[in-house]
Amino acid sequence: MSWYLRMLQEVFLPLENNCSAYFQKYNWDKNNFDDWEEVKPSDFIIIEGVSSCRVEFRRFISFGIYLELEREKRLERGLIRDGGEAMEQWFEWMKEEDEYLSAHRPDEFVNLIIRGDYINEIDHYEFSLN
């Protein structure tokens, strides 16, 4: 089952019915699923990630945020975080991200766009409201 179908079935649908959601975290170091996590119904739940504003998720999203950053800068920051040995994986992720951006157009859906190239310090942001 694809990750986003699991997300729908294991997280969004239970929460929509005011039930706790249970999902397995992915362990990138072990390259497999790991511990189960519980998400209890709440007034606010934050879902983060590159494709967290997929078309399939939108009926569950009340406020979407999109972090916009040039490809070169995304790659640079990712390799700083993950190390040079992750270069091949990052090229694959960026290809998938380009396909997601083209198909799902999160920048046209979200309520808030944050320009990541303006973030110089943790407390300095420039916002664009849609």
N, C-alpha and C. Protein backbone atom coordinates (compact mmCIF):
# COMPACT_ATOMS: atom_id res chain seq x y z
N MET A 1 0.85 -1.18 0.00
CA MET A 1 0.00 0.00 0.00
C MET A 1 0.90 1.24 0.00
N SER A 2 0.52 2.23 -0.79
CA SER A 2 1.31 3.45 -0.85
C SER A 2 1.26 4.17 0.49
N TRP A 3 2.26 5.01 0.73
CA TRP A 3 2.34 5.72 2.01
C TRP A 3 1.13 6.64 2.20
N TYR A 4 0.67 7.28 1.13
CA TYR A 4 -0.42 8.24 1.33
C TYR A 4 -1.76 7.55 1.54
N LEU A 5 -1.96 6.35 1.00
CA LEU A 5 -3.17 5.59 1.31
C LEU A 5 -3.15 5.13 2.77
N ARG A 6 -1.95 4.74 3.25
CA ARG A 6 -1.81 4.40 4.67
C ARG A 6 -2.14 5.61 5.53
N MET A 7 -1.66 6.78 5.11
CA MET A 7 -1.90 8.01 5.86
C MET A 7 -3.40 8.29 5.94
N LEU A 8 -4.09 8.12 4.83
CA LEU A 8 -5.54 8.32 4.82
C LEU A 8 -6.22 7.34 5.77
N GLN A 9 -5.91 6.06 5.63
CA GLN A 9 -6.60 5.02 6.41
C GLN A 9 -6.20 5.01 7.88
N GLU A 10 -4.93 5.23 8.17
CA GLU A 10 -4.44 5.10 9.54
C GLU A 10 -4.51 6.39 10.34
N VAL A 11 -4.52 7.53 9.66
CA VAL A 11 -4.47 8.81 10.38
C VAL A 11 -5.70 9.67 10.11
N PHE A 12 -5.90 10.08 8.88
CA PHE A 12 -6.97 11.04 8.61
C PHE A 12 -8.37 10.50 8.91
N LEU A 13 -8.66 9.29 8.44
CA LEU A 13 -10.02 8.76 8.63
C LEU A 13 -10.36 8.52 10.10
N PRO A 14 -9.49 7.92 10.90
CA PRO A 14 -9.81 7.79 12.33
C PRO A 14 -10.00 9.14 13.02
N LEU A 15 -9.12 10.10 12.73
CA LEU A 15 -9.25 11.41 13.36
C LEU A 15 -10.53 12.12 12.93
N GLU A 16 -10.91 11.93 11.68
CA GLU A 16 -12.17 12.52 11.20
C GLU A 16 -13.36 11.99 12.00
N ASN A 17 -13.25 10.75 12.46
CA ASN A 17 -14.31 10.13 13.26
C ASN A 17 -14.08 10.29 14.76
N ASN A 18 -13.20 11.22 15.12
CA ASN A 18 -12.89 11.52 16.51
C ASN A 18 -12.32 10.32 17.27
N CYS A 19 -11.57 9.49 16.55
CA CYS A 19 -10.90 8.33 17.15
C CYS A 19 -9.39 8.54 17.10
N SER A 20 -8.69 7.89 18.01
CA SER A 20 -7.23 7.95 17.96
C SER A 20 -6.73 7.30 16.68
N ALA A 21 -5.66 7.86 16.15
CA ALA A 21 -5.02 7.31 14.96
C ALA A 21 -3.72 6.62 15.38
N TYR A 22 -3.39 5.54 14.70
CA TYR A 22 -2.16 4.81 14.98
C TYR A 22 -1.42 4.60 13.66
N PHE A 23 -0.13 4.94 13.66
CA PHE A 23 0.67 4.74 12.46
C PHE A 23 2.08 4.32 12.88
N GLN A 24 2.75 3.64 11.96
CA GLN A 24 4.13 3.24 12.20
C GLN A 24 5.07 4.28 11.63
N LYS A 25 6.00 4.72 12.46
CA LYS A 25 7.03 5.65 12.00
C LYS A 25 8.01 4.91 11.10
N TYR A 26 8.51 5.62 10.11
CA TYR A 26 9.53 5.03 9.24
C TYR A 26 10.90 5.36 9.81
N ASN A 27 11.74 4.36 9.94
CA ASN A 27 13.09 4.53 10.45
C ASN A 27 14.04 4.58 9.25
N TRP A 28 14.53 5.77 8.92
CA TRP A 28 15.38 5.95 7.75
C TRP A 28 16.72 5.24 7.90
N ASP A 29 17.23 5.13 9.12
CA ASP A 29 18.51 4.46 9.32
C ASP A 29 18.39 2.95 9.08
N LYS A 30 17.28 2.36 9.51
CA LYS A 30 17.07 0.92 9.35
C LYS A 30 16.37 0.57 8.04
N ASN A 31 15.84 1.60 7.36
CA ASN A 31 15.12 1.41 6.10
C ASN A 31 13.90 0.50 6.25
N ASN A 32 13.17 0.70 7.37
CA ASN A 32 11.94 -0.06 7.57
C ASN A 32 11.04 0.67 8.56
N PHE A 33 9.84 0.13 8.72
CA PHE A 33 8.91 0.72 9.68
C PHE A 33 9.30 0.29 11.08
N ASP A 34 9.05 1.19 12.03
CA ASP A 34 9.53 1.00 13.38
C ASP A 34 8.36 1.07 14.36
N ASP A 35 8.50 1.87 15.37
CA ASP A 35 7.51 1.96 16.45
C ASP A 35 6.18 2.54 15.97
N TRP A 36 5.13 2.13 16.66
CA TRP A 36 3.80 2.68 16.42
C TRP A 36 3.63 3.94 17.24
N GLU A 37 2.97 4.91 16.65
CA GLU A 37 2.68 6.17 17.31
C GLU A 37 1.17 6.36 17.38
N GLU A 38 0.71 7.00 18.44
CA GLU A 38 -0.70 7.33 18.58
C GLU A 38 -0.88 8.84 18.42
N VAL A 39 -1.90 9.21 17.67
CA VAL A 39 -2.30 10.61 17.56
C VAL A 39 -3.73 10.69 18.05
N LYS A 40 -3.92 11.40 19.15
CA LYS A 40 -5.25 11.54 19.73
C LYS A 40 -5.99 12.69 19.06
N PRO A 41 -7.31 12.58 18.94
CA PRO A 41 -8.08 13.69 18.37
C PRO A 41 -7.80 14.98 19.13
N SER A 42 -7.68 16.05 18.41
CA SER A 42 -7.35 17.35 19.00
C SER A 42 -7.91 18.45 18.11
N ASP A 43 -8.00 19.64 18.66
CA ASP A 43 -8.45 20.77 17.86
C ASP A 43 -7.47 21.10 16.74
N PHE A 44 -6.17 20.86 17.00
CA PHE A 44 -5.14 21.16 16.02
C PHE A 44 -4.19 19.98 15.91
N ILE A 45 -3.95 19.54 14.70
CA ILE A 45 -2.96 18.50 14.42
C ILE A 45 -2.13 18.97 13.25
N ILE A 46 -0.82 18.92 13.40
CA ILE A 46 0.08 19.37 12.35
C ILE A 46 0.61 18.16 11.60
N ILE A 47 0.41 18.17 10.29
CA ILE A 47 0.96 17.15 9.40
C ILE A 47 2.03 17.86 8.58
N GLU A 48 3.26 17.39 8.65
CA GLU A 48 4.34 18.06 7.92
C GLU A 48 4.98 17.09 6.94
N GLY A 49 5.58 17.66 5.94
CA GLY A 49 6.28 16.86 4.95
C GLY A 49 6.07 17.44 3.56
N VAL A 50 6.92 17.02 2.66
CA VAL A 50 6.92 17.56 1.31
C VAL A 50 5.54 17.47 0.67
N SER A 51 4.87 16.35 0.78
CA SER A 51 3.58 16.22 0.09
C SER A 51 2.41 16.15 1.06
N SER A 52 2.48 16.92 2.11
CA SER A 52 1.40 16.91 3.11
C SER A 52 0.15 17.64 2.63
N CYS A 53 0.23 18.34 1.51
CA CYS A 53 -0.96 19.00 0.94
C CYS A 53 -1.41 18.31 -0.35
N ARG A 54 -1.22 17.00 -0.40
CA ARG A 54 -1.68 16.22 -1.56
C ARG A 54 -3.17 16.45 -1.78
N VAL A 55 -3.60 16.33 -3.01
CA VAL A 55 -5.01 16.47 -3.34
C VAL A 55 -5.85 15.53 -2.48
N GLU A 56 -5.36 14.30 -2.25
CA GLU A 56 -6.11 13.31 -1.48
C GLU A 56 -6.32 13.72 -0.02
N PHE A 57 -5.49 14.61 0.50
CA PHE A 57 -5.56 15.02 1.91
C PHE A 57 -6.37 16.29 2.12
N ARG A 58 -6.66 17.01 1.08
CA ARG A 58 -7.16 18.38 1.21
C ARG A 58 -8.48 18.51 1.95
N ARG A 59 -9.34 17.53 1.86
CA ARG A 59 -10.61 17.67 2.57
C ARG A 59 -10.42 17.64 4.09
N PHE A 60 -9.25 17.19 4.54
CA PHE A 60 -8.96 17.12 5.97
C PHE A 60 -8.15 18.32 6.47
N ILE A 61 -7.67 19.15 5.56
CA ILE A 61 -6.76 20.25 5.91
C ILE A 61 -7.56 21.55 6.06
N SER A 62 -7.42 22.17 7.22
CA SER A 62 -8.12 23.44 7.43
C SER A 62 -7.20 24.64 7.20
N PHE A 63 -5.89 24.43 7.27
CA PHE A 63 -4.94 25.51 7.03
C PHE A 63 -3.65 24.89 6.49
N GLY A 64 -3.28 25.24 5.28
CA GLY A 64 -2.08 24.68 4.66
C GLY A 64 -0.95 25.70 4.60
N ILE A 65 0.26 25.23 4.83
CA ILE A 65 1.45 26.07 4.76
C ILE A 65 2.42 25.42 3.78
N TYR A 66 2.99 26.23 2.92
CA TYR A 66 3.94 25.76 1.92
C TYR A 66 5.26 26.50 2.10
N LEU A 67 6.34 25.75 2.25
CA LEU A 67 7.67 26.34 2.35
C LEU A 67 8.30 26.30 0.97
N GLU A 68 8.56 27.46 0.41
CA GLU A 68 9.08 27.59 -0.95
C GLU A 68 10.59 27.85 -0.90
N LEU A 69 11.34 27.04 -1.63
CA LEU A 69 12.79 27.19 -1.65
C LEU A 69 13.33 26.65 -2.97
N GLU A 70 14.31 27.32 -3.54
CA GLU A 70 14.90 26.90 -4.81
C GLU A 70 15.50 25.50 -4.68
N ARG A 71 15.47 24.75 -5.79
CA ARG A 71 15.98 23.36 -5.82
C ARG A 71 17.40 23.27 -5.28
N GLU A 72 18.28 24.15 -5.74
CA GLU A 72 19.69 24.06 -5.35
C GLU A 72 19.85 24.22 -3.84
N LYS A 73 19.07 25.12 -3.26
CA LYS A 73 19.16 25.36 -1.82
C LYS A 73 18.57 24.19 -1.05
N ARG A 74 17.47 23.58 -1.57
CA ARG A 74 16.90 22.40 -0.91
C ARG A 74 17.92 21.26 -0.89
N LEU A 75 18.58 21.07 -2.02
CA LEU A 75 19.59 20.01 -2.10
C LEU A 75 20.75 20.31 -1.15
N GLU A 76 21.22 21.53 -1.14
CA GLU A 76 22.32 21.91 -0.26
C GLU A 76 21.97 21.65 1.20
N ARG A 77 20.79 22.11 1.64
CA ARG A 77 20.39 21.92 3.03
C ARG A 77 20.18 20.45 3.36
N GLY A 78 19.61 19.70 2.40
CA GLY A 78 19.40 18.27 2.63
C GLY A 78 20.70 17.51 2.79
N LEU A 79 21.68 17.84 1.97
CA LEU A 79 22.97 17.15 2.06
C LEU A 79 23.74 17.55 3.31
N ILE A 80 23.55 18.78 3.78
CA ILE A 80 24.16 19.17 5.06
C ILE A 80 23.56 18.30 6.17
N ARG A 81 22.25 18.11 6.12
CA ARG A 81 21.57 17.31 7.14
C ARG A 81 21.90 15.82 7.03
N ASP A 82 21.87 15.27 5.78
CA ASP A 82 21.96 13.82 5.59
C ASP A 82 23.33 13.32 5.18
N GLY A 83 24.23 14.22 4.80
CA GLY A 83 25.56 13.81 4.38
C GLY A 83 25.64 13.55 2.89
N GLY A 84 26.83 13.67 2.34
CA GLY A 84 27.06 13.50 0.91
C GLY A 84 26.69 12.13 0.38
N GLU A 85 26.72 11.12 1.24
CA GLU A 85 26.36 9.77 0.80
C GLU A 85 24.88 9.66 0.43
N ALA A 86 24.10 10.65 0.78
CA ALA A 86 22.66 10.64 0.47
C ALA A 86 22.36 11.34 -0.87
N MET A 87 23.38 11.72 -1.62
CA MET A 87 23.19 12.48 -2.87
C MET A 87 22.25 11.75 -3.83
N GLU A 88 22.47 10.48 -4.07
CA GLU A 88 21.63 9.72 -5.01
C GLU A 88 20.17 9.70 -4.54
N GLN A 89 19.98 9.47 -3.24
CA GLN A 89 18.62 9.47 -2.69
C GLN A 89 17.97 10.84 -2.84
N TRP A 90 18.75 11.89 -2.63
CA TRP A 90 18.20 13.24 -2.76
C TRP A 90 17.79 13.53 -4.20
N PHE A 91 18.55 13.06 -5.18
CA PHE A 91 18.16 13.27 -6.58
C PHE A 91 16.83 12.54 -6.87
N GLU A 92 16.65 11.36 -6.32
CA GLU A 92 15.39 10.63 -6.49
C GLU A 92 14.24 11.37 -5.80
N TRP A 93 14.47 11.82 -4.56
CA TRP A 93 13.44 12.57 -3.84
C TRP A 93 13.05 13.83 -4.59
N MET A 94 14.03 14.53 -5.14
CA MET A 94 13.74 15.78 -5.84
C MET A 94 12.95 15.53 -7.13
N LYS A 95 13.23 14.42 -7.79
CA LYS A 95 12.44 14.04 -8.98
C LYS A 95 10.99 13.81 -8.56
N GLU A 96 10.80 13.06 -7.48
CA GLU A 96 9.45 12.79 -6.98
C GLU A 96 8.78 14.08 -6.51
N GLU A 97 9.54 14.96 -5.89
CA GLU A 97 8.99 16.24 -5.44
C GLU A 97 8.55 17.09 -6.63
N ASP A 98 9.33 17.12 -7.70
CA ASP A 98 8.95 17.87 -8.89
C ASP A 98 7.63 17.34 -9.46
N GLU A 99 7.48 16.02 -9.49
CA GLU A 99 6.24 15.41 -9.98
C GLU A 99 5.06 15.79 -9.08
N TYR A 100 5.27 15.76 -7.77
CA TYR A 100 4.23 16.16 -6.81
C TYR A 100 3.83 17.62 -7.02
N LEU A 101 4.82 18.51 -7.11
CA LEU A 101 4.53 19.93 -7.26
C LEU A 101 3.74 20.21 -8.54
N SER A 102 4.09 19.51 -9.61
CA SER A 102 3.40 19.69 -10.88
C SER A 102 1.97 19.16 -10.83
N ALA A 103 1.79 18.00 -10.23
CA ALA A 103 0.48 17.35 -10.21
C ALA A 103 -0.47 17.94 -9.17
N HIS A 104 0.05 18.33 -8.02
CA HIS A 104 -0.80 18.72 -6.89
C HIS A 104 -0.85 20.22 -6.63
N ARG A 105 0.09 20.98 -7.16
CA ARG A 105 0.13 22.45 -7.03
C ARG A 105 -0.21 22.95 -5.62
N PRO A 106 0.56 22.52 -4.62
CA PRO A 106 0.27 22.96 -3.25
C PRO A 106 0.34 24.48 -3.09
N ASP A 107 1.17 25.14 -3.88
CA ASP A 107 1.29 26.59 -3.77
C ASP A 107 -0.01 27.31 -4.13
N GLU A 108 -0.89 26.65 -4.89
CA GLU A 108 -2.18 27.24 -5.24
C GLU A 108 -3.27 26.90 -4.22
N PHE A 109 -3.00 25.94 -3.35
CA PHE A 109 -3.99 25.48 -2.38
C PHE A 109 -3.82 26.09 -1.00
N VAL A 110 -2.58 26.26 -0.58
CA VAL A 110 -2.30 26.62 0.82
C VAL A 110 -2.77 28.03 1.18
N ASN A 111 -2.85 28.26 2.48
CA ASN A 111 -3.22 29.56 3.02
C ASN A 111 -2.02 30.47 3.24
N LEU A 112 -0.84 29.87 3.39
CA LEU A 112 0.35 30.63 3.73
C LEU A 112 1.55 30.05 3.00
N ILE A 113 2.31 30.94 2.36
CA ILE A 113 3.57 30.54 1.71
C ILE A 113 4.70 31.22 2.46
N ILE A 114 5.68 30.41 2.87
CA ILE A 114 6.87 30.93 3.54
C ILE A 114 8.04 30.77 2.58
N ARG A 115 8.70 31.87 2.27
CA ARG A 115 9.86 31.83 1.39
C ARG A 115 11.08 31.41 2.20
N GLY A 116 11.56 30.20 2.00
CA GLY A 116 12.67 29.65 2.76
C GLY A 116 13.99 30.34 2.52
N ASP A 117 14.16 31.00 1.37
CA ASP A 117 15.43 31.67 1.11
C ASP A 117 15.58 32.95 1.92
N TYR A 118 14.48 33.40 2.54
CA TYR A 118 14.55 34.57 3.41
C TYR A 118 14.79 34.21 4.86
N ILE A 119 14.83 32.93 5.15
CA ILE A 119 15.03 32.52 6.54
C ILE A 119 16.53 32.48 6.81
N ASN A 120 17.02 33.52 7.45
CA ASN A 120 18.44 33.59 7.79
C ASN A 120 18.69 33.14 9.22
N GLU A 121 17.70 33.36 10.05
CA GLU A 121 17.77 32.95 11.44
C GLU A 121 16.44 32.34 11.80
N ILE A 122 16.40 31.58 12.84
CA ILE A 122 15.19 30.87 13.23
C ILE A 122 14.01 31.81 13.49
N ASP A 123 14.28 33.05 13.85
CA ASP A 123 13.19 33.96 14.19
C ASP A 123 12.93 35.01 13.10
N HIS A 124 13.45 34.81 11.89
CA HIS A 124 13.24 35.78 10.82
C HIS A 124 12.52 35.11 9.65
N TYR A 125 11.27 35.51 9.40
CA TYR A 125 10.48 34.95 8.32
C TYR A 125 9.84 36.06 7.51
N GLU A 126 9.62 35.81 6.25
CA GLU A 126 8.81 36.70 5.42
C GLU A 126 7.65 35.88 4.90
N PHE A 127 6.43 36.35 5.10
CA PHE A 127 5.24 35.60 4.78
C PHE A 127 4.51 36.18 3.58
N SER A 128 3.80 35.29 2.88
CA SER A 128 2.92 35.69 1.78
C SER A 128 1.59 34.98 2.00
N LEU A 129 0.53 35.75 2.22
CA LEU A 129 -0.79 35.14 2.44
C LEU A 129 -1.53 35.00 1.14
N ASN A 130 -2.16 33.84 0.93
CA ASN A 130 -3.03 33.62 -0.24
C ASN A 130 -4.46 33.89 0.14
